[in-house]
Amino acid sequence: MFYFNKKKILPQNIYDNFTPVALAHWVMGSGIKLQGRGLRLCAYSFSIPEVVTLMNVLIIKYRLVCTLQLDKDKPVIFPVNLWSPCYHSLEALYNFKNVV
């Protein structure tokens, strides 16, 4: 993601910039593998509308159906369709077992 005046912002062209490598970096930096329950993507620095935009990109571009939940009033994204080809590709490439 990007910073403007020392604040993390979501650019208007996030769909084009949100590449598989960017997704992998997000998973590796702010992703948590939940034992037997999938993955949690922390989005603490973003507003709810920005998180919804990120979720839309995950849904449209990567076919990862997600839910939005709050953790101590901070947004968290849970991809729920872990049978998606995208999820399995990421799992194979980046070995989610090692994501903490």
Protein backbone atom coordinates (compact mmCIF):
# COMPACT_ATOMS: atom_id res chain seq x y z
CA MET A 1 0.00 0.00 0.00
CA PHE A 2 1.10 3.60 -0.04
CA TYR A 3 1.77 6.46 2.32
CA PHE A 4 0.73 10.11 2.03
CA ASN A 5 1.83 12.59 4.70
CA LYS A 6 2.98 9.67 6.88
CA LYS A 7 -0.50 8.09 6.74
CA LYS A 8 -1.20 4.82 4.98
CA ILE A 9 -3.70 5.34 2.18
CA LEU A 10 -5.32 3.17 -0.44
CA PRO A 11 -4.69 4.55 -3.96
CA GLN A 12 -7.52 4.88 -6.46
CA ASN A 13 -5.80 2.38 -8.79
CA ILE A 14 -5.39 -0.33 -6.14
CA TYR A 15 -6.96 -2.94 -8.43
CA ASP A 16 -4.13 -2.53 -10.95
CA ASN A 17 -1.40 -2.29 -8.31
CA PHE A 18 -2.57 -5.21 -6.17
CA THR A 19 -0.49 -7.90 -7.84
CA PRO A 20 0.00 -11.48 -6.63
CA VAL A 21 3.36 -10.34 -5.23
CA ALA A 22 1.67 -7.51 -3.30
CA LEU A 23 -0.86 -10.02 -1.92
CA ALA A 24 1.97 -12.34 -0.90
CA HIS A 25 3.75 -9.49 0.89
CA TRP A 26 0.55 -8.61 2.75
CA VAL A 27 0.02 -12.23 3.77
CA MET A 28 3.62 -12.61 4.89
CA GLY A 29 3.69 -9.29 6.74
CA SER A 30 0.20 -9.08 8.24
CA GLY A 31 -1.32 -12.50 7.66
CA ILE A 32 -1.97 -15.04 10.35
CA LYS A 33 -2.72 -18.69 9.60
CA LEU A 34 -5.42 -19.86 11.94
CA GLN A 35 -5.05 -23.47 12.99
CA GLY A 36 -7.58 -25.37 10.89
CA ARG A 37 -9.63 -22.23 10.26
CA GLY A 38 -7.88 -20.48 7.40
CA LEU A 39 -6.23 -17.10 7.20
CA ARG A 40 -6.61 -13.69 8.82
CA LEU A 41 -5.36 -10.54 7.05
CA CYS A 42 -4.86 -7.59 9.38
CA ALA A 43 -5.88 -4.23 7.95
CA TYR A 44 -5.55 -2.17 11.12
CA SER A 45 -4.28 1.00 9.42
CA PHE A 46 -7.20 1.30 7.01
CA SER A 47 -10.69 2.73 7.39
CA ILE A 48 -13.71 0.45 6.97
CA PRO A 49 -14.45 1.82 3.45
CA GLU A 50 -10.82 1.17 2.44
CA VAL A 51 -11.00 -2.36 3.81
CA VAL A 52 -14.20 -2.96 1.83
CA THR A 53 -12.34 -1.78 -1.28
CA LEU A 54 -9.51 -4.23 -0.53
CA MET A 55 -12.06 -7.01 -0.03
CA ASN A 56 -13.63 -6.18 -3.40
CA VAL A 57 -10.22 -6.51 -5.06
CA LEU A 58 -9.67 -9.88 -3.34
CA ILE A 59 -13.11 -11.05 -4.46
CA ILE A 60 -12.98 -9.81 -8.06
CA LYS A 61 -9.31 -10.27 -8.91
CA TYR A 62 -8.42 -13.35 -6.85
CA ARG A 63 -11.83 -15.00 -6.24
CA LEU A 64 -11.23 -14.96 -2.48
CA VAL A 65 -14.60 -14.48 -0.81
CA CYS A 66 -14.00 -12.62 2.42
CA THR A 67 -15.70 -11.47 5.58
CA LEU A 68 -14.92 -8.31 7.51
CA GLN A 69 -14.63 -8.56 11.26
CA LEU A 70 -13.32 -6.27 13.97
CA ASP A 71 -10.52 -7.15 16.35
CA LYS A 72 -10.41 -4.60 19.19
CA ASP A 73 -12.21 -2.12 16.90
CA LYS A 74 -9.63 -2.67 14.13
CA PRO A 75 -10.63 -4.22 10.77
CA VAL A 76 -9.56 -7.75 9.91
CA ILE A 77 -10.29 -9.64 6.67
CA PHE A 78 -11.00 -13.38 6.71
CA PRO A 79 -10.88 -15.09 3.29
CA VAL A 80 -13.54 -17.79 3.65
CA ASN A 81 -13.28 -19.84 0.46
CA LEU A 82 -10.02 -21.58 1.14
CA TRP A 83 -10.65 -23.96 -1.75
CA SER A 84 -9.94 -21.10 -4.17
CA PRO A 85 -7.12 -21.80 -6.65
CA CYS A 86 -5.54 -18.50 -5.54
CA TYR A 87 -5.40 -19.62 -1.89
CA HIS A 88 -3.86 -22.96 -2.76
CA SER A 89 -1.29 -21.30 -5.03
CA LEU A 90 -0.29 -18.91 -2.25
CA GLU A 91 -0.19 -21.74 0.25
CA ALA A 92 2.12 -23.75 -1.99
CA LEU A 93 4.36 -20.82 -2.87
CA TYR A 94 4.70 -19.19 0.51
CA ASN A 95 4.09 -22.06 2.90
CA PHE A 96 1.48 -20.52 5.21
CA LYS A 97 2.59 -22.89 7.96
CA ASN A 98 5.44 -20.48 8.63
CA VAL A 99 3.31 -17.31 8.73
CA VAL A 100 2.89 -16.16 12.31
